Amino acid sequence: MQKKLHIKKGDTVIVITGESKGQKGRVLEVNRDKNKAIVEGVNLVSKHTKPNAKAPQGGIIKKEAPVHLSNLMLVDPTTGKPTRIGRKLNESEKLIRYSKKSGEEIK
């Protein structure tokens, strides 16, 4: 069984520590095995590429590198500030995520 994570694809997160501290972005991909996520516009690295069909000129391109999940915090949809995540059962006995800061359900 796969472990439950506090961050999912499509969430808006903020980086709380590291070189990209304070940057916000949308999660593009989550790697459960390595506990890392790729966030849009965060932790950009330069990658040298040979000319190919995608980049006919080749050269240096900027690309997002994975960030460890412990360095990311979900942004509360109502307040726009970082928040911790809780889980609780709703009326239909389904486990949902909610914001500890505002108590709102996170879609």
PDB file of N, CA and C in Angstrom:
ATOM      1  N   MET A   1       0.840  -1.195   0.000  1.00  0.00           N
ATOM      2  CA  MET A   1       0.000   0.000   0.000  1.00  0.00           C
ATOM      3  C   MET A   1       0.878   1.249   0.000  1.00  0.00           C
ATOM      4  N   GLN A   2       0.498   2.232  -0.795  1.00  0.00           N
ATOM      5  CA  GLN A   2       1.286   3.465  -0.876  1.00  0.00           C
ATOM      6  C   GLN A   2       0.925   4.385   0.277  1.00  0.00           C
ATOM      7  N   LYS A   3       1.939   5.106   0.756  1.00  0.00           N
ATOM      8  CA  LYS A   3       1.706   6.010   1.878  1.00  0.00           C
ATOM      9  C   LYS A   3       0.977   7.275   1.423  1.00  0.00           C
ATOM     10  N   LYS A   4       0.186   7.851   2.335  1.00  0.00           N
ATOM     11  CA  LYS A   4      -0.542   9.084   2.039  1.00  0.00           C
ATOM     12  C   LYS A   4       0.414  10.257   2.207  1.00  0.00           C
ATOM     13  N   LEU A   5       0.355  11.182   1.258  1.00  0.00           N
ATOM     14  CA  LEU A   5       1.206  12.355   1.306  1.00  0.00           C
ATOM     15  C   LEU A   5       0.358  13.588   1.545  1.00  0.00           C
ATOM     16  N   HIS A   6       0.958  14.645   2.060  1.00  0.00           N
ATOM     17  CA  HIS A   6       0.222  15.876   2.324  1.00  0.00           C
ATOM     18  C   HIS A   6       0.097  16.743   1.073  1.00  0.00           C
ATOM     19  N   ILE A   7       0.809  16.363   0.015  1.00  0.00           N
ATOM     20  CA  ILE A   7       0.798  17.147  -1.224  1.00  0.00           C
ATOM     21  C   ILE A   7       0.391  16.250  -2.382  1.00  0.00           C
ATOM     22  N   LYS A   8      -0.462  16.791  -3.259  1.00  0.00           N
ATOM     23  CA  LYS A   8      -0.901  16.065  -4.448  1.00  0.00           C
ATOM     24  C   LYS A   8      -0.604  16.897  -5.688  1.00  0.00           C
ATOM     25  N   LYS A   9      -0.673  16.254  -6.847  1.00  0.00           N
ATOM     26  CA  LYS A   9      -0.499  16.937  -8.121  1.00  0.00           C
ATOM     27  C   LYS A   9      -1.598  17.989  -8.271  1.00  0.00           C
ATOM     28  N   GLY A  10      -1.201  19.200  -8.682  1.00  0.00           N
ATOM     29  CA  GLY A  10      -2.168  20.278  -8.878  1.00  0.00           C
ATOM     30  C   GLY A  10      -2.288  21.221  -7.693  1.00  0.00           C
ATOM     31  N   ASP A  11      -1.742  20.858  -6.525  1.00  0.00           N
ATOM     32  CA  ASP A  11      -1.783  21.732  -5.349  1.00  0.00           C
ATOM     33  C   ASP A  11      -0.875  22.942  -5.547  1.00  0.00           C
ATOM     34  N   THR A  12      -1.218  24.047  -4.888  1.00  0.00           N
ATOM     35  CA  THR A  12      -0.332  25.203  -4.854  1.00  0.00           C
ATOM     36  C   THR A  12       0.475  25.112  -3.566  1.00  0.00           C
ATOM     37  N   VAL A  13       1.794  25.164  -3.696  1.00  0.00           N
ATOM     38  CA  VAL A  13       2.669  25.005  -2.540  1.00  0.00           C
ATOM     39  C   VAL A  13       3.658  26.163  -2.458  1.00  0.00           C
ATOM     40  N   ILE A  14       4.268  26.301  -1.283  1.00  0.00           N
ATOM     41  CA  ILE A  14       5.328  27.283  -1.073  1.00  0.00           C
ATOM     42  C   ILE A  14       6.545  26.531  -0.542  1.00  0.00           C
ATOM     43  N   VAL A  15       7.730  26.958  -0.963  1.00  0.00           N
ATOM     44  CA  VAL A  15       8.974  26.338  -0.501  1.00  0.00           C
ATOM     45  C   VAL A  15       9.348  26.999   0.815  1.00  0.00           C
ATOM     46  N   ILE A  16       9.533  26.195   1.881  1.00  0.00           N
ATOM     47  CA  ILE A  16       9.781  26.762   3.209  1.00  0.00           C
ATOM     48  C   ILE A  16      11.261  26.797   3.586  1.00  0.00           C
ATOM     49  N   THR A  17      12.107  26.083   2.849  1.00  0.00           N
ATOM     50  CA  THR A  17      13.535  26.113   3.145  1.00  0.00           C
ATOM     51  C   THR A  17      14.330  25.735   1.899  1.00  0.00           C
ATOM     52  N   GLY A  18      15.595  26.076   1.903  1.00  0.00           N
ATOM     53  CA  GLY A  18      16.451  25.751   0.769  1.00  0.00           C
ATOM     54  C   GLY A  18      16.720  26.953  -0.104  1.00  0.00           C
ATOM     55  N   GLU A  19      17.312  26.711  -1.262  1.00  0.00           N
ATOM     56  CA  GLU A  19      17.729  27.780  -2.161  1.00  0.00           C
ATOM     57  C   GLU A  19      16.534  28.548  -2.745  1.00  0.00           C
ATOM     58  N   SER A  20      15.413  27.870  -2.933  1.00  0.00           N
ATOM     59  CA  SER A  20      14.227  28.483  -3.533  1.00  0.00           C
ATOM     60  C   SER A  20      13.215  28.938  -2.482  1.00  0.00           C
ATOM     61  N   LYS A  21      13.663  29.201  -1.263  1.00  0.00           N
ATOM     62  CA  LYS A  21      12.777  29.547  -0.150  1.00  0.00           C
ATOM     63  C   LYS A  21      11.873  30.732  -0.496  1.00  0.00           C
ATOM     64  N   GLY A  22      10.568  30.586  -0.184  1.00  0.00           N
ATOM     65  CA  GLY A  22       9.614  31.657  -0.396  1.00  0.00           C
ATOM     66  C   GLY A  22       8.907  31.626  -1.743  1.00  0.00           C
ATOM     67  N   GLN A  23       9.359  30.783  -2.659  1.00  0.00           N
ATOM     68  CA  GLN A  23       8.731  30.729  -3.976  1.00  0.00           C
ATOM     69  C   GLN A  23       7.467  29.873  -3.937  1.00  0.00           C
ATOM     70  N   LYS A  24       6.440  30.318  -4.691  1.00  0.00           N
ATOM     71  CA  LYS A  24       5.189  29.574  -4.789  1.00  0.00           C
ATOM     72  C   LYS A  24       5.084  28.966  -6.168  1.00  0.00           C
ATOM     73  N   GLY A  25       4.363  27.858  -6.256  1.00  0.00           N
ATOM     74  CA  GLY A  25       4.144  27.235  -7.555  1.00  0.00           C
ATOM     75  C   GLY A  25       3.148  26.100  -7.459  1.00  0.00           C
ATOM     76  N   ARG A  26       2.761  25.597  -8.633  1.00  0.00           N
ATOM     77  CA  ARG A  26       1.810  24.490  -8.721  1.00  0.00           C
ATOM     78  C   ARG A  26       2.593  23.192  -8.886  1.00  0.00           C
ATOM     79  N   VAL A  27       2.162  22.135  -8.190  1.00  0.00           N
ATOM     80  CA  VAL A  27       2.835  20.841  -8.262  1.00  0.00           C
ATOM     81  C   VAL A  27       2.497  20.183  -9.596  1.00  0.00           C
ATOM     82  N   LEU A  28       3.543  19.839 -10.367  1.00  0.00           N
ATOM     83  CA  LEU A  28       3.365  19.207 -11.667  1.00  0.00           C
ATOM     84  C   LEU A  28       3.403  17.690 -11.570  1.00  0.00           C
ATOM     85  N   GLU A  29       4.218  17.181 -10.620  1.00  0.00           N
ATOM     86  CA  GLU A  29       4.434  15.738 -10.528  1.00  0.00           C
ATOM     87  C   GLU A  29       4.901  15.397  -9.122  1.00  0.00           C
ATOM     88  N   VAL A  30       4.473  14.257  -8.596  1.00  0.00           N
ATOM     89  CA  VAL A  30       4.906  13.786  -7.270  1.00  0.00           C
ATOM     90  C   VAL A  30       5.509  12.402  -7.425  1.00  0.00           C
ATOM     91  N   ASN A  31       6.723  12.212  -6.894  1.00  0.00           N
ATOM     92  CA  ASN A  31       7.395  10.918  -6.913  1.00  0.00           C
ATOM     93  C   ASN A  31       7.320  10.333  -5.505  1.00  0.00           C
ATOM     94  N   ARG A  32       6.445   9.356  -5.293  1.00  0.00           N
ATOM     95  CA  ARG A  32       6.225   8.779  -3.966  1.00  0.00           C
ATOM     96  C   ARG A  32       7.435   7.986  -3.480  1.00  0.00           C
ATOM     97  N   ASP A  33       8.143   7.328  -4.408  1.00  0.00           N
ATOM     98  CA  ASP A  33       9.281   6.498  -4.017  1.00  0.00           C
ATOM     99  C   ASP A  33      10.413   7.322  -3.418  1.00  0.00           C
ATOM    100  N   LYS A  34      10.681   8.493  -4.002  1.00  0.00           N
ATOM    101  CA  LYS A  34      11.788   9.331  -3.548  1.00  0.00           C
ATOM    102  C   LYS A  34      11.348  10.479  -2.642  1.00  0.00           C
ATOM    103  N   ASN A  35      10.021  10.588  -2.363  1.00  0.00           N
ATOM    104  CA  ASN A  35       9.476  11.688  -1.547  1.00  0.00           C
ATOM    105  C   ASN A  35       9.844  13.052  -2.119  1.00  0.00           C
ATOM    106  N   LYS A  36       9.703  13.205  -3.434  1.00  0.00           N
ATOM    107  CA  LYS A  36      10.040  14.465  -4.086  1.00  0.00           C
ATOM    108  C   LYS A  36       8.911  14.895  -5.004  1.00  0.00           C
ATOM    109  N   ALA A  37       8.875  16.203  -5.293  1.00  0.00           N
ATOM    110  CA  ALA A  37       7.860  16.750  -6.190  1.00  0.00           C
ATOM    111  C   ALA A  37       8.507  17.768  -7.110  1.00  0.00           C
ATOM    112  N   ILE A  38       7.970  17.880  -8.317  1.00  0.00           N
ATOM    113  CA  ILE A  38       8.419  18.902  -9.253  1.00  0.00           C
ATOM    114  C   ILE A  38       7.386  20.015  -9.212  1.00  0.00           C
ATOM    115  N   VAL A  39       7.870  21.241  -8.905  1.00  0.00           N
ATOM    116  CA  VAL A  39       6.991  22.398  -8.750  1.00  0.00           C
ATOM    117  C   VAL A  39       7.282  23.382  -9.880  1.00  0.00           C
ATOM    118  N   GLU A  40       6.224  23.907 -10.479  1.00  0.00           N
ATOM    119  CA  GLU A  40       6.327  24.808 -11.622  1.00  0.00           C
ATOM    120  C   GLU A  40       7.088  26.090 -11.253  1.00  0.00           C
ATOM    121  N   GLY A  41       8.191  26.351 -11.948  1.00  0.00           N
ATOM    122  CA  GLY A  41       8.957  27.577 -11.757  1.00  0.00           C
ATOM    123  C   GLY A  41       9.853  27.606 -10.526  1.00  0.00           C
ATOM    124  N   VAL A  42      10.009  26.485  -9.846  1.00  0.00           N
ATOM    125  CA  VAL A  42      10.805  26.424  -8.615  1.00  0.00           C
ATOM    126  C   VAL A  42      11.981  25.469  -8.813  1.00  0.00           C
ATOM    127  N   ASN A  43      13.139  25.804  -8.233  1.00  0.00           N
ATOM    128  CA  ASN A  43      14.347  24.975  -8.277  1.00  0.00           C
ATOM    129  C   ASN A  43      14.783  24.725  -9.723  1.00  0.00           C
ATOM    130  N   LEU A  44      14.940  25.814 -10.487  1.00  0.00           N
ATOM    131  CA  LEU A  44      15.344  25.707 -11.886  1.00  0.00           C
ATOM    132  C   LEU A  44      16.831  25.383 -11.992  1.00  0.00           C
ATOM    133  N   VAL A  45      17.158  24.447 -12.875  1.00  0.00           N
ATOM    134  CA  VAL A  45      18.545  24.077 -13.135  1.00  0.00           C
ATOM    135  C   VAL A  45      18.809  24.230 -14.628  1.00  0.00           C
ATOM    136  N   SER A  46      20.079  24.458 -14.991  1.00  0.00           N
ATOM    137  CA  SER A  46      20.464  24.570 -16.398  1.00  0.00           C
ATOM    138  C   SER A  46      20.854  23.192 -16.908  1.00  0.00           C
ATOM    139  N   LYS A  47      20.273  22.800 -18.028  1.00  0.00           N
ATOM    140  CA  LYS A  47      20.565  21.498 -18.616  1.00  0.00           C
ATOM    141  C   LYS A  47      21.116  21.714 -20.021  1.00  0.00           C
ATOM    142  N   HIS A  48      22.267  21.118 -20.290  1.00  0.00           N
ATOM    143  CA  HIS A  48      22.890  21.219 -21.610  1.00  0.00           C
ATOM    144  C   HIS A  48      22.292  20.145 -22.511  1.00  0.00           C
ATOM    145  N   THR A  49      21.796  20.563 -23.685  1.00  0.00           N
ATOM    146  CA  THR A  49      21.173  19.600 -24.588  1.00  0.00           C
ATOM    147  C   THR A  49      21.801  19.663 -25.968  1.00  0.00           C
ATOM    148  N   LYS A  50      21.871  18.487 -26.588  1.00  0.00           N
ATOM    149  CA  LYS A  50      22.322  18.398 -27.979  1.00  0.00           C
ATOM    150  C   LYS A  50      21.144  18.755 -28.868  1.00  0.00           C
ATOM    151  N   PRO A  51      21.396  19.199 -30.094  1.00  0.00           N
ATOM    152  CA  PRO A  51      20.277  19.474 -31.005  1.00  0.00           C
ATOM    153  C   PRO A  51      19.438  18.213 -31.239  1.00  0.00           C
ATOM    154  N   ASN A  52      18.112  18.378 -31.118  1.00  0.00           N
ATOM    155  CA  ASN A  52      17.190  17.271 -31.380  1.00  0.00           C
ATOM    156  C   ASN A  52      15.894  17.853 -31.951  1.00  0.00           C
ATOM    157  N   ALA A  53      14.878  17.012 -32.140  1.00  0.00           N
ATOM    158  CA  ALA A  53      13.623  17.462 -32.751  1.00  0.00           C
ATOM    159  C   ALA A  53      12.926  18.508 -31.877  1.00  0.00           C
ATOM    160  N   LYS A  54      13.002  18.351 -30.565  1.00  0.00           N
ATOM    161  CA  LYS A  54      12.337  19.288 -29.650  1.00  0.00           C
ATOM    162  C   LYS A  54      13.084  20.618 -29.575  1.00  0.00           C
ATOM    163  N   ALA A  55      14.411  20.547 -29.528  1.00  0.00           N
ATOM    164  CA  ALA A  55      15.244  21.750 -29.479  1.00  0.00           C
ATOM    165  C   ALA A  55      16.232  21.681 -30.650  1.00  0.00           C
ATOM    166  N   PRO A  56      15.836  22.158 -31.846  1.00  0.00           N
ATOM    167  CA  PRO A  56      16.716  22.025 -33.018  1.00  0.00           C
ATOM    168  C   PRO A  56      18.042  22.765 -32.871  1.00  0.00           C
ATOM    169  N   GLN A  57      18.051  23.831 -32.072  1.00  0.00           N
ATOM    170  CA  GLN A  57      19.277  24.606 -31.866  1.00  0.00           C
ATOM    171  C   GLN A  57      20.170  23.948 -30.817  1.00  0.00           C
ATOM    172  N   GLY A  58      19.576  23.222 -29.860  1.00  0.00           N
ATOM    173  CA  GLY A  58      20.351  22.666 -28.757  1.00  0.00           C
ATOM    174  C   GLY A  58      20.677  23.768 -27.769  1.00  0.00           C
ATOM    175  N   GLY A  59      21.734  23.610 -26.987  1.00  0.00           N
ATOM    176  CA  GLY A  59      22.169  24.650 -26.056  1.00  0.00           C
ATOM    177  C   GLY A  59      21.736  24.383 -24.624  1.00  0.00           C
ATOM    178  N   ILE A  60      21.612  25.459 -23.854  1.00  0.00           N
ATOM    179  CA  ILE A  60      21.298  25.356 -22.430  1.00  0.00           C
ATOM    180  C   ILE A  60      19.829  25.697 -22.220  1.00  0.00           C
ATOM    181  N   ILE A  61      19.092  24.791 -21.571  1.00  0.00           N
ATOM    182  CA  ILE A  61      17.684  25.056 -21.257  1.00  0.00           C
ATOM    183  C   ILE A  61      17.484  25.026 -19.746  1.00  0.00           C
ATOM    184  N   LYS A  62      16.519  25.799 -19.271  1.00  0.00           N
ATOM    185  CA  LYS A  62      16.173  25.816 -17.847  1.00  0.00           C
ATOM    186  C   LYS A  62      15.074  24.791 -17.613  1.00  0.00           C
ATOM    187  N   LYS A  63      15.218  24.001 -16.543  1.00  0.00           N
ATOM    188  CA  LYS A  63      14.281  22.923 -16.259  1.00  0.00           C
ATOM    189  C   LYS A  63      14.073  22.828 -14.755  1.00  0.00           C
ATOM    190  N   GLU A  64      12.853  22.462 -14.324  1.00  0.00           N
ATOM    191  CA  GLU A  64      12.574  22.294 -12.899  1.00  0.00           C
ATOM    192  C   GLU A  64      13.173  20.989 -12.397  1.00  0.00           C
ATOM    193  N   ALA A  65      13.856  21.055 -11.252  1.00  0.00           N
ATOM    194  CA  ALA A  65      14.400  19.864 -10.610  1.00  0.00           C
ATOM    195  C   ALA A  65      13.498  19.509  -9.429  1.00  0.00           C
ATOM    196  N   PRO A  66      13.478  18.238  -9.004  1.00  0.00           N
ATOM    197  CA  PRO A  66      12.614  17.840  -7.893  1.00  0.00           C
ATOM    198  C   PRO A  66      13.014  18.502  -6.575  1.00  0.00           C
ATOM    199  N   VAL A  67      12.012  18.758  -5.729  1.00  0.00           N
ATOM    200  CA  VAL A  67      12.204  19.328  -4.395  1.00  0.00           C
ATOM    201  C   VAL A  67      11.672  18.307  -3.401  1.00  0.00           C
ATOM    202  N   HIS A  68      12.365  18.104  -2.272  1.00  0.00           N
ATOM    203  CA  HIS A  68      11.906  17.149  -1.273  1.00  0.00           C
ATOM    204  C   HIS A  68      10.607  17.639  -0.645  1.00  0.00           C
ATOM    205  N   LEU A  69       9.697  16.708  -0.374  1.00  0.00           N
ATOM    206  CA  LEU A  69       8.378  17.061   0.157  1.00  0.00           C
ATOM    207  C   LEU A  69       8.450  17.758   1.509  1.00  0.00           C
ATOM    208  N   SER A  70       9.480  17.476   2.300  1.00  0.00           N
ATOM    209  CA  SER A  70       9.610  18.115   3.610  1.00  0.00           C
ATOM    210  C   SER A  70       9.917  19.604   3.477  1.00  0.00           C
ATOM    211  N   ASN A  71      10.357  20.044   2.291  1.00  0.00           N
ATOM    212  CA  ASN A  71      10.662  21.456   2.065  1.00  0.00           C
ATOM    213  C   ASN A  71       9.473  22.217   1.486  1.00  0.00           C
ATOM    214  N   LEU A  72       8.353  21.529   1.304  1.00  0.00           N
ATOM    215  CA  LEU A  72       7.164  22.144   0.721  1.00  0.00           C
ATOM    216  C   LEU A  72       6.033  22.199   1.732  1.00  0.00           C
ATOM    217  N   MET A  73       5.219  23.258   1.639  1.00  0.00           N
ATOM    218  CA  MET A  73       4.065  23.410   2.505  1.00  0.00           C
ATOM    219  C   MET A  73       2.894  23.874   1.643  1.00  0.00           C
ATOM    220  N   LEU A  74       1.740  23.286   1.857  1.00  0.00           N
ATOM    221  CA  LEU A  74       0.555  23.622   1.077  1.00  0.00           C
ATOM    222  C   LEU A  74       0.088  25.033   1.400  1.00  0.00           C
ATOM    223  N   VAL A  75      -0.401  25.759   0.383  1.00  0.00           N
ATOM    224  CA  VAL A  75      -0.937  27.101   0.577  1.00  0.00           C
ATOM    225  C   VAL A  75      -2.437  26.977   0.822  1.00  0.00           C
ATOM    226  N   ASP A  76      -2.922  27.600   1.913  1.00  0.00           N
ATOM    227  CA  ASP A  76      -4.344  27.578   2.269  1.00  0.00           C
ATOM    228  C   ASP A  76      -5.146  28.278   1.176  1.00  0.00           C
ATOM    229  N   PRO A  77      -6.195  27.628   0.629  1.00  0.00           N
ATOM    230  CA  PRO A  77      -6.945  28.244  -0.468  1.00  0.00           C
ATOM    231  C   PRO A  77      -7.699  29.516  -0.069  1.00  0.00           C
ATOM    232  N   THR A  78      -8.046  29.668   1.206  1.00  0.00           N
ATOM    233  CA  THR A  78      -8.809  30.851   1.621  1.00  0.00           C
ATOM    234  C   THR A  78      -7.912  32.012   2.026  1.00  0.00           C
ATOM    235  N   THR A  79      -6.859  31.738   2.807  1.00  0.00           N
ATOM    236  CA  THR A  79      -6.008  32.826   3.303  1.00  0.00           C
ATOM    237  C   THR A  79      -4.804  33.098   2.408  1.00  0.00           C
ATOM    238  N   GLY A  80      -4.361  32.096   1.642  1.00  0.00           N
ATOM    239  CA  GLY A  80      -3.189  32.273   0.784  1.00  0.00           C
ATOM    240  C   GLY A  80      -1.878  32.144   1.535  1.00  0.00           C
ATOM    241  N   LYS A  81      -1.942  31.642   2.776  1.00  0.00           N
ATOM    242  CA  LYS A  81      -0.736  31.458   3.589  1.00  0.00           C
ATOM    243  C   LYS A  81      -0.440  29.967   3.743  1.00  0.00           C
ATOM    244  N   PRO A  82       0.810  29.608   4.080  1.00  0.00           N
ATOM    245  CA  PRO A  82       1.151  28.201   4.265  1.00  0.00           C
ATOM    246  C   PRO A  82       0.381  27.596   5.438  1.00  0.00           C
ATOM    247  N   THR A  83      -0.001  26.333   5.285  1.00  0.00           N
ATOM    248  CA  THR A  83      -0.756  25.654   6.324  1.00  0.00           C
ATOM    249  C   THR A  83      -0.363  24.192   6.411  1.00  0.00           C
ATOM    250  N   ARG A  84      -0.588  23.616   7.593  1.00  0.00           N
ATOM    251  CA  ARG A  84      -0.407  22.179   7.751  1.00  0.00           C
ATOM    252  C   ARG A  84      -1.701  21.485   7.321  1.00  0.00           C
ATOM    253  N   ILE A  85      -1.599  20.179   7.093  1.00  0.00           N
ATOM    254  CA  ILE A  85      -2.729  19.405   6.583  1.00  0.00           C
ATOM    255  C   ILE A  85      -3.184  18.413   7.637  1.00  0.00           C
ATOM    256  N   GLY A  86      -4.512  18.273   7.746  1.00  0.00           N
ATOM    257  CA  GLY A  86      -5.091  17.239   8.599  1.00  0.00           C
ATOM    258  C   GLY A  86      -5.984  16.364   7.744  1.00  0.00           C
ATOM    259  N   ARG A  87      -6.339  15.189   8.259  1.00  0.00           N
ATOM    260  CA  ARG A  87      -7.257  14.302   7.553  1.00  0.00           C
ATOM    261  C   ARG A  87      -8.391  13.932   8.486  1.00  0.00           C
ATOM    262  N   LYS A  88      -9.605  13.905   7.933  1.00  0.00           N
ATOM    263  CA  LYS A  88     -10.771  13.492   8.718  1.00  0.00           C
ATOM    264  C   LYS A  88     -11.784  12.843   7.791  1.00  0.00           C
ATOM    265  N   LEU A  89     -12.702  12.073   8.382  1.00  0.00           N
ATOM    266  CA  LEU A  89     -13.764  11.429   7.618  1.00  0.00           C
ATOM    267  C   LEU A  89     -14.913  12.399   7.446  1.00  0.00           C
ATOM    268  N   ASN A  90     -15.457  12.478   6.226  1.00  0.00           N
ATOM    269  CA  ASN A  90     -16.623  13.327   5.998  1.00  0.00           C
ATOM    270  C   ASN A  90     -17.900  12.506   6.190  1.00  0.00           C
ATOM    271  N   GLU A  91     -19.065  13.067   5.837  1.00  0.00           N
ATOM    272  CA  GLU A  91     -20.345  12.404   6.068  1.00  0.00           C
ATOM    273  C   GLU A  91     -20.443  11.055   5.350  1.00  0.00           C
ATOM    274  N   SER A  92     -19.842  10.960   4.165  1.00  0.00           N
ATOM    275  CA  SER A  92     -19.930   9.720   3.391  1.00  0.00           C
ATOM    276  C   SER A  92     -18.768   8.765   3.702  1.00  0.00           C
ATOM    277  N   GLU A  93     -18.164   8.917   4.899  1.00  0.00           N
ATOM    278  CA  GLU A  93     -17.079   8.034   5.360  1.00  0.00           C
ATOM    279  C   GLU A  93     -15.891   8.011   4.407  1.00  0.00           C
ATOM    280  N   LYS A  94     -15.609   9.147   3.778  1.00  0.00           N
ATOM    281  CA  LYS A  94     -14.459   9.268   2.883  1.00  0.00           C
ATOM    282  C   LYS A  94     -13.429  10.174   3.549  1.00  0.00           C
ATOM    283  N   LEU A  95     -12.148   9.778   3.463  1.00  0.00           N
ATOM    284  CA  LEU A  95     -11.076  10.543   4.085  1.00  0.00           C
ATOM    285  C   LEU A  95     -10.781  11.784   3.241  1.00  0.00           C
ATOM    286  N   ILE A  96     -10.858  12.958   3.858  1.00  0.00           N
ATOM    287  CA  ILE A  96     -10.602  14.208   3.135  1.00  0.00           C
ATOM    288  C   ILE A  96      -9.468  14.962   3.813  1.00  0.00           C
ATOM    289  N   ARG A  97      -8.794  15.823   3.042  1.00  0.00           N
ATOM    290  CA  ARG A  97      -7.754  16.697   3.595  1.00  0.00           C
ATOM    291  C   ARG A  97      -8.392  18.024   3.972  1.00  0.00           C
ATOM    292  N   TYR A  98      -7.917  18.596   5.089  1.00  0.00           N
ATOM    293  CA  TYR A  98      -8.404  19.921   5.474  1.00  0.00           C
ATOM    294  C   TYR A  98      -7.243  20.756   5.992  1.00  0.00           C
ATOM    295  N   SER A  99      -7.424  22.074   5.912  1.00  0.00           N
ATOM    296  CA  SER A  99      -6.401  23.017   6.340  1.00  0.00           C
ATOM    297  C   SER A  99      -6.474  23.189   7.843  1.00  0.00           C
ATOM    298  N   LYS A 100      -5.337  23.064   8.531  1.00  0.00           N
ATOM    299  CA  LYS A 100      -5.300  23.242   9.985  1.00  0.00           C
ATOM    300  C   LYS A 100      -5.473  24.710  10.347  1.00  0.00           C
ATOM    301  N   LYS A 101      -5.103  25.624   9.428  1.00  0.00           N
ATOM    302  CA  LYS A 101      -5.172  27.050   9.715  1.00  0.00           C
ATOM    303  C   LYS A 101      -6.609  27.560   9.665  1.00  0.00           C
ATOM    304  N   SER A 102      -7.353  27.216   8.597  1.00  0.00           N
ATOM    305  CA  SER A 102      -8.718  27.743   8.450  1.00  0.00           C
ATOM    306  C   SER A 102      -9.793  26.694   8.692  1.00  0.00           C
ATOM    307  N   GLY A 103      -9.433  25.422   8.686  1.00  0.00           N
ATOM    308  CA  GLY A 103     -10.407  24.363   8.863  1.00  0.00           C
ATOM    309  C   GLY A 103     -11.171  24.011   7.606  1.00  0.00           C
ATOM    310  N   GLU A 104     -10.860  24.674   6.486  1.00  0.00           N
ATOM    311  CA  GLU A 104     -11.551  24.431   5.222  1.00  0.00           C
ATOM    312  C   GLU A 104     -11.073  23.128   4.570  1.00  0.00           C
ATOM    313  N   GLU A 105     -11.977  22.492   3.845  1.00  0.00           N
ATOM    314  CA  GLU A 105     -11.644  21.280   3.100  1.00  0.00           C
ATOM    315  C   GLU A 105     -10.797  21.658   1.890  1.00  0.00           C
ATOM    316  N   ILE A 106      -9.810  20.817   1.579  1.00  0.00           N
ATOM    317  CA  ILE A 106      -8.938  21.056   0.429  1.00  0.00           C
ATOM    318  C   ILE A 106      -9.353  20.105  -0.681  1.00  0.00           C
ATOM    319  N   LYS A 107      -9.692  20.668  -1.818  1.00  0.00           N
ATOM    320  CA  LYS A 107     -10.147  19.855  -2.961  1.00  0.00           C
ATOM    321  C   LYS A 107      -8.967  19.196  -3.622  1.00  0.00           C
TER     322      LYS A 107
END
